[in-house]
Amino acid sequence: MDTEPRNTAGQAVGSTCTPTKPENRSPRSEGDRRFRLNLMIFWFGVLAAVIAAIAVGFPGWQNYIAQEEAKLQLRAYIDVRAKGITAIEEGVIPRVHDHFYNIGRTPAYDNGSSSHITVADYPLTKRLVNDECSHARADPKANKWFVGKVARPETVRETPFTAGEVEAIKAGKSAVYFHGRVCYRDIFNESHRTDFCTFWKWTAGRVSPGLYCDQGNSTD
C-alpha cells in the first residue's frame, strides 16, 4: 500500500504561501522624491541656458580675440638702444647717446620720453624710478609719426662724476645706469609705453659695453 503523501495542489508538502504586503510609502518619502526630481529638472534647465548663452556669444568672442591678435601683430613697438657713454672720470659730465627704434609693422606717434643717468650699486639693489607718461618731455623737433630708427638728443646728467662715484665704479661696487620711459600711441590710437635700462660697469681696466639691466626693460 502506497503511504507516501501526494501533493494534489502542485506544491511541495509543508510549503506555505505568504501573501505579499503592499508597499508602504510615507508622505515624507514621496515628498523627497518629488523634490529631487524638481531639483534635477532645475539644474538641467540651468545647464541648457548656459550652453545656449555660450553658443550665442561665441562668434562675438571669436571676433574680439581675432581683433586683439591683429592689433598685437600690427601695432608699433618701440625699442631703445644706447650707443655709448662718455669716459668715466672725475669731473666728466656723463652723456649717453641713444636711438628709438620702431620695430613694429606700423608707425608710432611720439608722445614724449624721459631718461636719466644714475650711478647706483652693482648689482642693482634698488628699483630705478621712471617718470610717468603725463610728465614725459616731448621733443618739438621730433617726427611725431615714425617708423624705423629715430635719432634723439643725447641725455646729459647735470652734475659730473664725483671722485667717490668713480672709485666705486672702478672697484666694481657701482655701475652707471641709463634708464627711462618712452610714451607713444599706435595707429589704433591706443597708448603704450616702453621702459628701458642699460648699464655700464668697470671690467678688465676699462668700461664694459652697454648691458641690459635685469629689471626695467618692458613694454605694454
N, C-alpha and C. Protein backbone atom coordinates (compact mmCIF):
# COMPACT_ATOMS: atom_id res chain seq x y z
N MET A 1 0.84 -1.19 0.00
CA MET A 1 0.00 0.00 0.00
C MET A 1 0.87 1.23 0.00
N ASP A 2 0.57 2.13 -0.94
CA ASP A 2 1.39 3.36 -1.09
C ASP A 2 0.97 4.35 -0.03
N THR A 3 1.90 4.59 0.94
CA THR A 3 1.58 5.51 2.04
C THR A 3 2.21 6.87 1.86
N GLU A 4 2.99 7.07 0.72
CA GLU A 4 3.65 8.35 0.51
C GLU A 4 2.62 9.42 0.25
N PRO A 5 2.68 10.47 0.95
CA PRO A 5 1.68 11.52 0.75
C PRO A 5 1.82 12.14 -0.63
N ARG A 6 0.72 12.49 -1.20
CA ARG A 6 0.69 13.08 -2.54
C ARG A 6 0.33 14.57 -2.45
N ASN A 7 0.93 15.37 -3.34
CA ASN A 7 0.64 16.82 -3.41
C ASN A 7 -0.32 17.02 -4.55
N THR A 8 -1.54 17.07 -4.19
CA THR A 8 -2.57 17.20 -5.20
C THR A 8 -2.74 18.63 -5.67
N ALA A 9 -2.12 19.61 -4.96
CA ALA A 9 -2.29 21.04 -5.35
C ALA A 9 -1.09 21.54 -6.14
N GLY A 10 -0.10 20.68 -6.50
CA GLY A 10 1.08 21.09 -7.28
C GLY A 10 2.09 21.82 -6.45
N GLN A 11 2.07 21.66 -5.14
CA GLN A 11 3.01 22.32 -4.26
C GLN A 11 3.69 21.28 -3.39
N ALA A 12 4.90 21.62 -2.91
CA ALA A 12 5.60 20.70 -2.02
C ALA A 12 4.88 20.65 -0.71
N VAL A 13 4.91 19.45 -0.15
CA VAL A 13 4.27 19.27 1.14
C VAL A 13 4.99 20.10 2.18
N GLY A 14 4.26 20.70 3.00
CA GLY A 14 4.84 21.50 4.09
C GLY A 14 5.12 22.94 3.70
N SER A 15 4.99 23.29 2.40
CA SER A 15 5.26 24.69 1.99
C SER A 15 4.07 25.54 2.32
N THR A 16 4.35 26.79 2.54
CA THR A 16 3.28 27.73 2.88
C THR A 16 3.34 28.90 1.91
N CYS A 17 2.29 29.55 1.70
CA CYS A 17 2.19 30.69 0.77
C CYS A 17 1.99 31.95 1.59
N THR A 18 2.97 32.84 1.53
CA THR A 18 2.88 34.09 2.31
C THR A 18 2.38 35.21 1.43
N PRO A 19 1.33 35.82 1.74
CA PRO A 19 0.79 36.90 0.90
C PRO A 19 1.73 38.11 0.90
N THR A 20 1.87 38.77 -0.29
CA THR A 20 2.74 39.95 -0.44
C THR A 20 2.05 41.17 0.14
N LYS A 21 2.82 41.88 1.00
CA LYS A 21 2.27 43.08 1.60
C LYS A 21 2.42 44.26 0.67
N PRO A 22 1.44 45.04 0.54
CA PRO A 22 1.55 46.23 -0.33
C PRO A 22 2.62 47.18 0.22
N GLU A 23 3.41 47.86 -0.77
CA GLU A 23 4.49 48.78 -0.37
C GLU A 23 3.89 49.96 0.38
N ASN A 24 4.54 50.26 1.48
CA ASN A 24 4.05 51.34 2.32
C ASN A 24 4.92 52.59 2.09
N ARG A 25 4.47 53.59 1.32
CA ARG A 25 5.18 54.82 1.06
C ARG A 25 4.60 55.93 1.91
N SER A 26 5.48 56.48 2.70
CA SER A 26 5.03 57.56 3.57
C SER A 26 4.93 58.85 2.78
N PRO A 27 4.12 59.77 3.19
CA PRO A 27 4.03 61.08 2.51
C PRO A 27 5.37 61.80 2.49
N ARG A 28 6.20 61.61 3.52
CA ARG A 28 7.50 62.30 3.57
C ARG A 28 8.43 61.80 2.48
N SER A 29 8.54 60.45 2.28
CA SER A 29 9.42 59.90 1.26
C SER A 29 8.93 60.30 -0.13
N GLU A 30 7.65 60.36 -0.32
CA GLU A 30 7.11 60.80 -1.61
C GLU A 30 7.47 62.25 -1.87
N GLY A 31 7.44 63.08 -0.83
CA GLY A 31 7.82 64.49 -0.99
C GLY A 31 9.29 64.65 -1.33
N ASP A 32 10.16 63.83 -0.70
CA ASP A 32 11.60 63.88 -1.00
C ASP A 32 11.86 63.50 -2.45
N ARG A 33 11.14 62.49 -2.94
CA ARG A 33 11.33 62.05 -4.31
C ARG A 33 10.94 63.15 -5.30
N ARG A 34 9.85 63.80 -5.03
CA ARG A 34 9.43 64.90 -5.91
C ARG A 34 10.41 66.07 -5.85
N PHE A 35 10.96 66.34 -4.66
CA PHE A 35 11.94 67.43 -4.52
C PHE A 35 13.19 67.16 -5.35
N ARG A 36 13.70 65.90 -5.26
CA ARG A 36 14.89 65.56 -6.03
C ARG A 36 14.62 65.65 -7.53
N LEU A 37 13.44 65.25 -7.95
CA LEU A 37 13.08 65.32 -9.36
C LEU A 37 13.03 66.78 -9.84
N ASN A 38 12.39 67.63 -9.03
CA ASN A 38 12.31 69.04 -9.40
C ASN A 38 13.70 69.70 -9.42
N LEU A 39 14.57 69.30 -8.46
CA LEU A 39 15.92 69.84 -8.43
C LEU A 39 16.70 69.44 -9.67
N MET A 40 16.54 68.20 -10.08
CA MET A 40 17.22 67.72 -11.28
C MET A 40 16.74 68.48 -12.52
N ILE A 41 15.43 68.70 -12.61
CA ILE A 41 14.88 69.46 -13.74
C ILE A 41 15.43 70.88 -13.74
N PHE A 42 15.55 71.48 -12.54
CA PHE A 42 16.08 72.86 -12.43
C PHE A 42 17.51 72.94 -12.96
N TRP A 43 18.39 72.01 -12.53
CA TRP A 43 19.78 72.06 -12.95
C TRP A 43 19.94 71.76 -14.43
N PHE A 44 19.08 70.87 -14.97
CA PHE A 44 19.10 70.66 -16.41
C PHE A 44 18.74 71.94 -17.16
N GLY A 45 17.81 72.71 -16.61
CA GLY A 45 17.43 73.98 -17.22
C GLY A 45 18.56 74.99 -17.18
N VAL A 46 19.27 75.05 -16.03
CA VAL A 46 20.40 75.97 -15.91
C VAL A 46 21.50 75.60 -16.90
N LEU A 47 21.81 74.32 -17.01
CA LEU A 47 22.85 73.87 -17.93
C LEU A 47 22.48 74.20 -19.37
N ALA A 48 21.21 73.99 -19.73
CA ALA A 48 20.78 74.31 -21.09
C ALA A 48 20.90 75.80 -21.37
N ALA A 49 20.59 76.65 -20.36
CA ALA A 49 20.69 78.10 -20.55
C ALA A 49 22.13 78.53 -20.73
N VAL A 50 23.04 77.93 -19.97
CA VAL A 50 24.46 78.26 -20.11
C VAL A 50 24.98 77.88 -21.48
N ILE A 51 24.62 76.68 -21.93
CA ILE A 51 25.06 76.22 -23.25
C ILE A 51 24.52 77.14 -24.35
N ALA A 52 23.26 77.55 -24.20
CA ALA A 52 22.67 78.45 -25.20
C ALA A 52 23.37 79.80 -25.21
N ALA A 53 23.72 80.32 -24.01
CA ALA A 53 24.41 81.62 -23.94
C ALA A 53 25.80 81.55 -24.59
N ILE A 54 26.49 80.45 -24.34
CA ILE A 54 27.82 80.29 -24.95
C ILE A 54 27.71 80.19 -26.47
N ALA A 55 26.69 79.45 -26.92
CA ALA A 55 26.52 79.28 -28.37
C ALA A 55 26.21 80.61 -29.04
N VAL A 56 25.42 81.46 -28.36
CA VAL A 56 25.08 82.76 -28.95
C VAL A 56 26.26 83.71 -28.90
N GLY A 57 27.03 83.72 -27.78
CA GLY A 57 28.12 84.68 -27.62
C GLY A 57 29.43 84.25 -28.22
N PHE A 58 29.60 83.00 -28.59
CA PHE A 58 30.88 82.51 -29.07
C PHE A 58 31.37 83.21 -30.33
N PRO A 59 30.51 83.44 -31.34
CA PRO A 59 31.01 84.17 -32.52
C PRO A 59 31.52 85.56 -32.18
N GLY A 60 30.84 86.29 -31.28
CA GLY A 60 31.31 87.61 -30.87
C GLY A 60 32.63 87.54 -30.14
N TRP A 61 32.81 86.56 -29.30
CA TRP A 61 34.07 86.37 -28.58
C TRP A 61 35.19 86.04 -29.55
N GLN A 62 34.91 85.20 -30.53
CA GLN A 62 35.92 84.87 -31.53
C GLN A 62 36.35 86.12 -32.29
N ASN A 63 35.39 86.95 -32.64
CA ASN A 63 35.70 88.18 -33.36
C ASN A 63 36.57 89.11 -32.53
N TYR A 64 36.27 89.21 -31.22
CA TYR A 64 37.07 90.05 -30.32
C TYR A 64 38.50 89.54 -30.23
N ILE A 65 38.67 88.24 -30.07
CA ILE A 65 40.00 87.65 -29.98
C ILE A 65 40.78 87.90 -31.27
N ALA A 66 40.11 87.77 -32.41
CA ALA A 66 40.78 87.99 -33.68
C ALA A 66 41.24 89.44 -33.83
N GLN A 67 40.42 90.37 -33.38
CA GLN A 67 40.80 91.78 -33.45
C GLN A 67 42.00 92.08 -32.56
N GLU A 68 41.99 91.53 -31.34
CA GLU A 68 43.10 91.77 -30.43
C GLU A 68 44.41 91.17 -30.97
N GLU A 69 44.33 89.99 -31.55
CA GLU A 69 45.53 89.37 -32.12
C GLU A 69 46.05 90.20 -33.29
N ALA A 70 45.14 90.74 -34.09
CA ALA A 70 45.56 91.58 -35.22
C ALA A 70 46.27 92.84 -34.72
N LYS A 71 45.76 93.44 -33.64
CA LYS A 71 46.40 94.63 -33.07
C LYS A 71 47.81 94.31 -32.58
N LEU A 72 47.97 93.17 -31.91
CA LEU A 72 49.28 92.79 -31.40
C LEU A 72 50.28 92.59 -32.53
N GLN A 73 49.82 92.08 -33.66
CA GLN A 73 50.70 91.83 -34.79
C GLN A 73 51.02 93.10 -35.57
N LEU A 74 50.09 94.04 -35.61
CA LEU A 74 50.24 95.21 -36.47
C LEU A 74 50.71 96.46 -35.74
N ARG A 75 50.58 96.52 -34.42
CA ARG A 75 50.88 97.74 -33.69
C ARG A 75 52.38 98.05 -33.70
N ALA A 76 52.70 99.27 -33.29
CA ALA A 76 54.09 99.69 -33.17
C ALA A 76 54.70 99.17 -31.87
N TYR A 77 56.00 98.91 -31.90
CA TYR A 77 56.76 98.52 -30.72
C TYR A 77 58.05 99.33 -30.71
N ILE A 78 58.31 100.02 -29.60
CA ILE A 78 59.48 100.89 -29.51
C ILE A 78 60.59 100.19 -28.71
N ASP A 79 61.78 100.20 -29.29
CA ASP A 79 62.97 99.68 -28.62
C ASP A 79 63.97 100.82 -28.49
N VAL A 80 64.63 100.93 -27.34
CA VAL A 80 65.62 101.99 -27.10
C VAL A 80 67.00 101.35 -27.01
N ARG A 81 67.92 101.85 -27.81
CA ARG A 81 69.26 101.28 -27.84
C ARG A 81 70.29 102.38 -27.59
N ALA A 82 71.03 102.21 -26.52
CA ALA A 82 72.08 103.19 -26.18
C ALA A 82 73.32 102.92 -27.00
N LYS A 83 73.94 103.96 -27.53
CA LYS A 83 75.14 103.81 -28.36
C LYS A 83 76.41 103.78 -27.53
N GLY A 84 76.44 104.56 -26.44
CA GLY A 84 77.66 104.59 -25.65
C GLY A 84 77.60 105.68 -24.60
N ILE A 85 78.62 105.72 -23.76
CA ILE A 85 78.68 106.68 -22.67
C ILE A 85 80.07 107.34 -22.68
N THR A 86 80.14 108.53 -22.14
CA THR A 86 81.41 109.24 -22.04
C THR A 86 82.38 108.51 -21.11
N ALA A 87 83.60 108.97 -21.07
CA ALA A 87 84.60 108.38 -20.18
C ALA A 87 84.18 108.55 -18.72
N ILE A 88 84.45 107.52 -17.93
CA ILE A 88 84.10 107.58 -16.51
C ILE A 88 85.32 108.09 -15.74
N GLU A 89 85.37 109.38 -15.59
CA GLU A 89 86.48 110.03 -14.91
C GLU A 89 85.93 111.18 -14.06
N GLU A 90 86.63 111.46 -12.98
CA GLU A 90 86.21 112.55 -12.10
C GLU A 90 86.14 113.86 -12.88
N GLY A 91 85.03 114.59 -12.68
CA GLY A 91 84.85 115.87 -13.33
C GLY A 91 84.24 115.82 -14.71
N VAL A 92 84.10 114.63 -15.30
CA VAL A 92 83.50 114.49 -16.62
C VAL A 92 81.98 114.41 -16.47
N ILE A 93 81.25 115.17 -17.28
CA ILE A 93 79.78 115.13 -17.23
C ILE A 93 79.29 113.90 -18.00
N PRO A 94 78.51 113.03 -17.37
CA PRO A 94 78.02 111.83 -18.06
C PRO A 94 77.04 112.19 -19.18
N ARG A 95 77.27 111.60 -20.35
CA ARG A 95 76.41 111.78 -21.51
C ARG A 95 76.18 110.42 -22.17
N VAL A 96 74.94 110.22 -22.63
CA VAL A 96 74.60 108.96 -23.32
C VAL A 96 73.87 109.30 -24.62
N HIS A 97 74.29 108.67 -25.71
CA HIS A 97 73.61 108.78 -27.00
C HIS A 97 72.76 107.52 -27.19
N ASP A 98 71.57 107.72 -27.72
CA ASP A 98 70.71 106.56 -27.96
C ASP A 98 69.82 106.83 -29.16
N HIS A 99 69.13 105.80 -29.60
CA HIS A 99 68.16 105.89 -30.69
C HIS A 99 66.88 105.18 -30.29
N PHE A 100 65.75 105.70 -30.83
CA PHE A 100 64.49 104.98 -30.78
C PHE A 100 64.39 104.13 -32.03
N TYR A 101 63.92 102.90 -31.85
CA TYR A 101 63.64 102.03 -32.99
C TYR A 101 62.20 101.57 -32.91
N ASN A 102 61.43 101.87 -33.94
CA ASN A 102 60.08 101.31 -34.03
C ASN A 102 60.21 99.98 -34.78
N ILE A 103 60.16 98.89 -34.04
CA ILE A 103 60.34 97.57 -34.63
C ILE A 103 59.00 96.92 -34.96
N GLY A 104 57.91 97.68 -34.84
CA GLY A 104 56.59 97.18 -35.20
C GLY A 104 56.33 97.31 -36.69
N ARG A 105 55.13 96.95 -37.10
CA ARG A 105 54.78 96.95 -38.53
C ARG A 105 54.10 98.24 -38.97
N THR A 106 53.72 99.07 -38.05
CA THR A 106 53.02 100.31 -38.38
C THR A 106 53.65 101.48 -37.63
N PRO A 107 53.39 102.71 -38.04
CA PRO A 107 54.02 103.87 -37.40
C PRO A 107 53.61 104.04 -35.94
N ALA A 108 54.47 104.72 -35.21
CA ALA A 108 54.20 105.09 -33.82
C ALA A 108 54.15 106.61 -33.73
N TYR A 109 53.30 107.10 -32.86
CA TYR A 109 53.19 108.54 -32.64
C TYR A 109 53.95 108.88 -31.36
N ASP A 110 54.95 109.75 -31.49
CA ASP A 110 55.82 110.09 -30.36
C ASP A 110 55.09 111.01 -29.39
N ASN A 111 54.81 110.48 -28.19
CA ASN A 111 54.15 111.28 -27.15
C ASN A 111 55.14 111.82 -26.14
N GLY A 112 56.42 111.59 -26.37
CA GLY A 112 57.41 112.10 -25.42
C GLY A 112 58.13 110.99 -24.70
N SER A 113 59.20 111.36 -23.99
CA SER A 113 60.01 110.37 -23.28
C SER A 113 60.76 111.06 -22.16
N SER A 114 61.33 110.25 -21.30
CA SER A 114 62.19 110.74 -20.23
C SER A 114 63.32 109.75 -20.03
N SER A 115 64.50 110.24 -19.71
CA SER A 115 65.65 109.37 -19.50
C SER A 115 66.56 109.97 -18.44
N HIS A 116 67.29 109.11 -17.76
CA HIS A 116 68.14 109.53 -16.64
C HIS A 116 69.44 108.74 -16.65
N ILE A 117 70.50 109.36 -16.12
CA ILE A 117 71.77 108.69 -15.90
C ILE A 117 72.00 108.65 -14.39
N THR A 118 72.13 107.45 -13.85
CA THR A 118 72.20 107.26 -12.41
C THR A 118 73.38 106.36 -12.06
N VAL A 119 74.15 106.75 -11.09
CA VAL A 119 75.19 105.88 -10.53
C VAL A 119 74.60 105.18 -9.31
N ALA A 120 74.57 103.85 -9.33
CA ALA A 120 73.96 103.09 -8.25
C ALA A 120 74.75 101.81 -8.02
N ASP A 121 74.36 101.09 -6.97
CA ASP A 121 75.07 99.86 -6.60
C ASP A 121 75.08 98.85 -7.74
N TYR A 122 76.14 98.07 -7.79
CA TYR A 122 76.21 96.94 -8.70
C TYR A 122 76.59 95.68 -7.90
N PRO A 123 75.77 94.63 -7.98
CA PRO A 123 74.49 94.53 -8.69
C PRO A 123 73.45 95.49 -8.10
N LEU A 124 72.45 95.81 -8.91
CA LEU A 124 71.46 96.79 -8.53
C LEU A 124 70.62 96.27 -7.37
N THR A 125 70.51 97.09 -6.34
CA THR A 125 69.77 96.68 -5.14
C THR A 125 68.50 97.49 -4.93
N LYS A 126 68.22 98.42 -5.82
CA LYS A 126 67.01 99.23 -5.68
C LYS A 126 66.30 99.33 -7.03
N ARG A 127 65.06 99.72 -6.99
CA ARG A 127 64.28 99.90 -8.21
C ARG A 127 64.49 101.31 -8.75
N LEU A 128 64.87 101.40 -10.00
CA LEU A 128 65.05 102.70 -10.64
C LEU A 128 63.69 103.26 -11.06
N VAL A 129 63.40 104.47 -10.65
CA VAL A 129 62.08 105.07 -10.87
C VAL A 129 62.10 105.90 -12.14
N ASN A 130 61.10 105.68 -13.01
CA ASN A 130 60.95 106.45 -14.23
C ASN A 130 59.77 107.42 -14.12
N ASP A 131 59.82 108.48 -14.91
CA ASP A 131 58.74 109.47 -14.90
C ASP A 131 57.48 108.87 -15.52
N GLU A 132 56.33 109.32 -15.04
CA GLU A 132 55.07 108.92 -15.64
C GLU A 132 54.92 109.56 -17.02
N CYS A 133 54.10 108.95 -17.87
CA CYS A 133 53.92 109.48 -19.22
C CYS A 133 53.34 110.89 -19.21
N SER A 134 52.57 111.20 -18.18
CA SER A 134 51.98 112.54 -18.10
C SER A 134 53.05 113.62 -17.91
N HIS A 135 54.26 113.21 -17.46
CA HIS A 135 55.35 114.17 -17.26
C HIS A 135 56.47 113.99 -18.29
N ALA A 136 56.24 113.15 -19.29
CA ALA A 136 57.27 112.88 -20.29
C ALA A 136 57.53 114.13 -21.13
N ARG A 137 58.77 114.34 -21.48
CA ARG A 137 59.15 115.52 -22.28
C ARG A 137 59.05 115.19 -23.76
N ALA A 138 58.33 116.01 -24.49
CA ALA A 138 58.21 115.83 -25.93
C ALA A 138 59.25 116.68 -26.64
N ASP A 139 59.90 116.10 -27.61
CA ASP A 139 60.89 116.83 -28.39
C ASP A 139 60.18 117.57 -29.51
N PRO A 140 60.17 118.90 -29.51
CA PRO A 140 59.43 119.64 -30.54
C PRO A 140 59.97 119.41 -31.94
N LYS A 141 61.23 118.98 -32.08
CA LYS A 141 61.83 118.77 -33.39
C LYS A 141 61.64 117.34 -33.89
N ALA A 142 61.11 116.47 -33.04
CA ALA A 142 60.98 115.07 -33.42
C ALA A 142 59.81 114.87 -34.38
N ASN A 143 59.97 113.89 -35.27
CA ASN A 143 58.86 113.50 -36.13
C ASN A 143 57.81 112.80 -35.29
N LYS A 144 56.58 113.29 -35.34
CA LYS A 144 55.56 112.71 -34.48
C LYS A 144 55.21 111.28 -34.88
N TRP A 145 55.00 111.04 -36.15
CA TRP A 145 54.78 109.66 -36.61
C TRP A 145 56.08 109.15 -37.20
N PHE A 146 56.50 107.97 -36.81
CA PHE A 146 57.76 107.47 -37.34
C PHE A 146 57.79 105.95 -37.40
N VAL A 147 58.61 105.47 -38.30
CA VAL A 147 58.93 104.04 -38.39
C VAL A 147 60.45 103.93 -38.43
N GLY A 148 60.97 102.77 -38.13
CA GLY A 148 62.41 102.58 -38.17
C GLY A 148 63.13 103.33 -37.07
N LYS A 149 64.34 103.82 -37.37
CA LYS A 149 65.20 104.44 -36.37
C LYS A 149 64.98 105.94 -36.33
N VAL A 150 64.98 106.49 -35.12
CA VAL A 150 64.84 107.93 -34.93
C VAL A 150 65.95 108.39 -33.99
N ALA A 151 66.75 109.35 -34.44
CA ALA A 151 67.80 109.91 -33.58
C ALA A 151 67.19 110.83 -32.54
N ARG A 152 67.81 110.88 -31.38
CA ARG A 152 67.31 111.73 -30.29
C ARG A 152 68.46 112.57 -29.73
N PRO A 153 68.11 113.67 -29.09
CA PRO A 153 69.17 114.44 -28.40
C PRO A 153 69.78 113.58 -27.30
N GLU A 154 71.05 113.76 -27.03
CA GLU A 154 71.72 112.96 -26.02
C GLU A 154 71.19 113.30 -24.63
N THR A 155 71.28 112.32 -23.75
CA THR A 155 70.88 112.51 -22.36
C THR A 155 72.11 112.96 -21.58
N VAL A 156 71.96 114.04 -20.82
CA VAL A 156 73.09 114.62 -20.10
C VAL A 156 72.73 114.75 -18.62
N ARG A 157 73.59 114.26 -17.75
CA ARG A 157 73.39 114.49 -16.32
C ARG A 157 73.96 115.86 -15.96
N GLU A 158 73.27 116.55 -15.11
CA GLU A 158 73.66 117.92 -14.79
C GLU A 158 74.99 117.99 -14.05
N THR A 159 75.26 117.00 -13.22
CA THR A 159 76.48 117.04 -12.40
C THR A 159 77.52 116.06 -12.93
N PRO A 160 78.81 116.39 -12.86
CA PRO A 160 79.86 115.48 -13.34
C PRO A 160 80.07 114.32 -12.36
N PHE A 161 80.82 113.33 -12.82
CA PHE A 161 81.19 112.23 -11.95
C PHE A 161 82.01 112.76 -10.78
N THR A 162 81.69 112.28 -9.59
CA THR A 162 82.47 112.65 -8.42
C THR A 162 83.60 111.64 -8.22
N ALA A 163 84.56 112.02 -7.38
CA ALA A 163 85.66 111.11 -7.09
C ALA A 163 85.16 109.83 -6.43
N GLY A 164 84.18 109.95 -5.52
CA GLY A 164 83.62 108.77 -4.86
C GLY A 164 82.91 107.85 -5.83
N GLU A 165 82.16 108.41 -6.79
CA GLU A 165 81.47 107.59 -7.78
C GLU A 165 82.47 106.84 -8.65
N VAL A 166 83.48 107.54 -9.12
CA VAL A 166 84.48 106.89 -9.98
C VAL A 166 85.20 105.78 -9.23
N GLU A 167 85.54 106.02 -7.98
CA GLU A 167 86.22 105.00 -7.17
C GLU A 167 85.34 103.77 -7.00
N ALA A 168 84.04 103.98 -6.70
CA ALA A 168 83.13 102.85 -6.51
C ALA A 168 82.92 102.08 -7.81
N ILE A 169 82.84 102.78 -8.93
CA ILE A 169 82.65 102.12 -10.22
C ILE A 169 83.86 101.27 -10.56
N LYS A 170 85.07 101.83 -10.41
CA LYS A 170 86.29 101.09 -10.77
C LYS A 170 86.60 99.97 -9.78
N ALA A 171 85.98 100.03 -8.59
CA ALA A 171 86.13 98.94 -7.62
C ALA A 171 85.09 97.84 -7.83
N GLY A 172 84.19 98.05 -8.80
CA GLY A 172 83.16 97.05 -9.09
C GLY A 172 81.98 97.09 -8.15
N LYS A 173 81.89 98.13 -7.32
CA LYS A 173 80.78 98.24 -6.37
C LYS A 173 79.60 99.01 -6.92
N SER A 174 79.82 99.81 -7.96
CA SER A 174 78.76 100.62 -8.57
C SER A 174 78.85 100.50 -10.08
N ALA A 175 77.80 100.96 -10.76
CA ALA A 175 77.76 101.00 -12.21
C ALA A 175 76.97 102.23 -12.63
N VAL A 176 77.06 102.57 -13.90
CA VAL A 176 76.32 103.71 -14.44
C VAL A 176 75.09 103.16 -15.16
N TYR A 177 73.91 103.63 -14.77
CA TYR A 177 72.66 103.14 -15.32
C TYR A 177 71.99 104.23 -16.16
N PHE A 178 71.58 103.85 -17.34
CA PHE A 178 70.83 104.73 -18.24
C PHE A 178 69.43 104.14 -18.34
N HIS A 179 68.44 104.86 -17.84
CA HIS A 179 67.09 104.30 -17.76
C HIS A 179 66.06 105.37 -18.06
N GLY A 180 64.87 104.92 -18.44
CA GLY A 180 63.81 105.88 -18.74
C GLY A 180 62.58 105.22 -19.30
N ARG A 181 61.74 106.04 -19.92
CA ARG A 181 60.45 105.57 -20.43
C ARG A 181 60.09 106.33 -21.71
N VAL A 182 59.58 105.59 -22.69
CA VAL A 182 59.08 106.17 -23.94
C VAL A 182 57.57 106.00 -23.96
N CYS A 183 56.86 107.07 -24.29
CA CYS A 183 55.40 107.04 -24.34
C CYS A 183 54.96 107.30 -25.79
N TYR A 184 54.06 106.50 -26.28
CA TYR A 184 53.66 106.63 -27.68
C TYR A 184 52.26 106.05 -27.89
N ARG A 185 51.70 106.35 -29.07
CA ARG A 185 50.42 105.79 -29.48
C ARG A 185 50.60 105.02 -30.78
N ASP A 186 49.72 104.05 -31.01
CA ASP A 186 49.78 103.30 -32.26
C ASP A 186 48.67 103.76 -33.21
N ILE A 187 48.55 103.11 -34.36
CA ILE A 187 47.57 103.52 -35.36
C ILE A 187 46.14 103.25 -34.91
N PHE A 188 45.98 102.47 -33.85
CA PHE A 188 44.65 102.22 -33.29
C PHE A 188 44.31 103.26 -32.22
N ASN A 189 45.18 104.27 -32.07
CA ASN A 189 45.03 105.34 -31.09
C ASN A 189 45.04 104.83 -29.66
N GLU A 190 45.76 103.75 -29.43
CA GLU A 190 45.92 103.21 -28.09
C GLU A 190 47.30 103.59 -27.56
N SER A 191 47.36 103.97 -26.29
CA SER A 191 48.60 104.44 -25.68
C SER A 191 49.44 103.27 -25.18
N HIS A 192 50.75 103.40 -25.32
CA HIS A 192 51.69 102.38 -24.88
C HIS A 192 52.91 103.05 -24.25
N ARG A 193 53.71 102.26 -23.59
CA ARG A 193 54.95 102.78 -23.03
C ARG A 193 56.02 101.68 -23.07
N THR A 194 57.25 102.11 -23.19
CA THR A 194 58.39 101.21 -23.15
C THR A 194 59.36 101.70 -22.09
N ASP A 195 59.66 100.86 -21.12
CA ASP A 195 60.67 101.16 -20.11
C ASP A 195 61.99 100.52 -20.54
N PHE A 196 63.08 101.24 -20.38
CA PHE A 196 64.37 100.72 -20.81
C PHE A 196 65.42 100.95 -19.72
N CYS A 197 66.43 100.10 -19.71
CA CYS A 197 67.51 100.22 -18.73
C CYS A 197 68.76 99.54 -19.29
N THR A 198 69.85 100.31 -19.41
CA THR A 198 71.15 99.82 -19.84
C THR A 198 72.18 100.27 -18.81
N PHE A 199 73.22 99.48 -18.60
CA PHE A 199 74.23 99.90 -17.64
C PHE A 199 75.63 99.61 -18.16
N TRP A 200 76.59 100.34 -17.61
CA TRP A 200 78.00 100.14 -17.89
C TRP A 200 78.74 99.90 -16.57
N LYS A 201 79.63 98.94 -16.57
CA LYS A 201 80.42 98.67 -15.38
C LYS A 201 81.90 98.66 -15.75
N TRP A 202 82.75 98.61 -14.76
CA TRP A 202 84.20 98.59 -14.98
C TRP A 202 84.66 97.15 -15.01
N THR A 203 85.31 96.77 -16.10
CA THR A 203 85.78 95.40 -16.22
C THR A 203 87.09 95.37 -16.99
N ALA A 204 88.06 94.62 -16.47
CA ALA A 204 89.38 94.47 -17.12
C ALA A 204 90.05 95.81 -17.39
N GLY A 205 89.87 96.74 -16.45
CA GLY A 205 90.54 98.02 -16.57
C GLY A 205 89.91 99.02 -17.51
N ARG A 206 88.68 98.75 -17.94
CA ARG A 206 88.01 99.70 -18.84
C ARG A 206 86.49 99.56 -18.71
N VAL A 207 85.78 100.47 -19.38
CA VAL A 207 84.31 100.45 -19.34
C VAL A 207 83.80 99.33 -20.23
N SER A 208 82.84 98.58 -19.72
CA SER A 208 82.26 97.49 -20.49
C SER A 208 81.34 98.04 -21.59
N PRO A 209 80.96 97.22 -22.56
CA PRO A 209 79.90 97.62 -23.48
C PRO A 209 78.59 97.80 -22.71
N GLY A 210 77.62 98.45 -23.33
CA GLY A 210 76.32 98.61 -22.68
C GLY A 210 75.64 97.27 -22.49
N LEU A 211 75.13 97.02 -21.29
CA LEU A 211 74.48 95.76 -20.95
C LEU A 211 73.05 96.04 -20.51
N TYR A 212 72.14 95.13 -20.85
CA TYR A 212 70.76 95.29 -20.41
C TYR A 212 70.62 94.95 -18.93
N CYS A 213 69.86 95.76 -18.22
CA CYS A 213 69.62 95.53 -16.79
C CYS A 213 68.73 94.29 -16.62
N ASP A 214 68.85 93.67 -15.45
CA ASP A 214 67.98 92.54 -15.14
C ASP A 214 66.55 92.97 -14.91
N GLN A 215 66.33 94.23 -14.61
CA GLN A 215 64.98 94.77 -14.44
C GLN A 215 64.88 96.09 -15.20
N GLY A 216 63.64 96.55 -15.40
CA GLY A 216 63.46 97.86 -16.01
C GLY A 216 63.34 97.87 -17.52
N ASN A 217 63.27 96.69 -18.16
CA ASN A 217 63.06 96.62 -19.60
C ASN A 217 61.73 95.92 -19.87
N SER A 218 60.74 96.70 -20.30
CA SER A 218 59.42 96.12 -20.53
C SER A 218 58.64 97.02 -21.49
N THR A 219 57.59 96.50 -22.06
CA THR A 219 56.72 97.28 -22.93
C THR A 219 55.29 96.82 -22.74
N ASP A 220 54.36 97.73 -22.94
CA ASP A 220 52.93 97.35 -22.85
C ASP A 220 52.15 98.02 -23.95
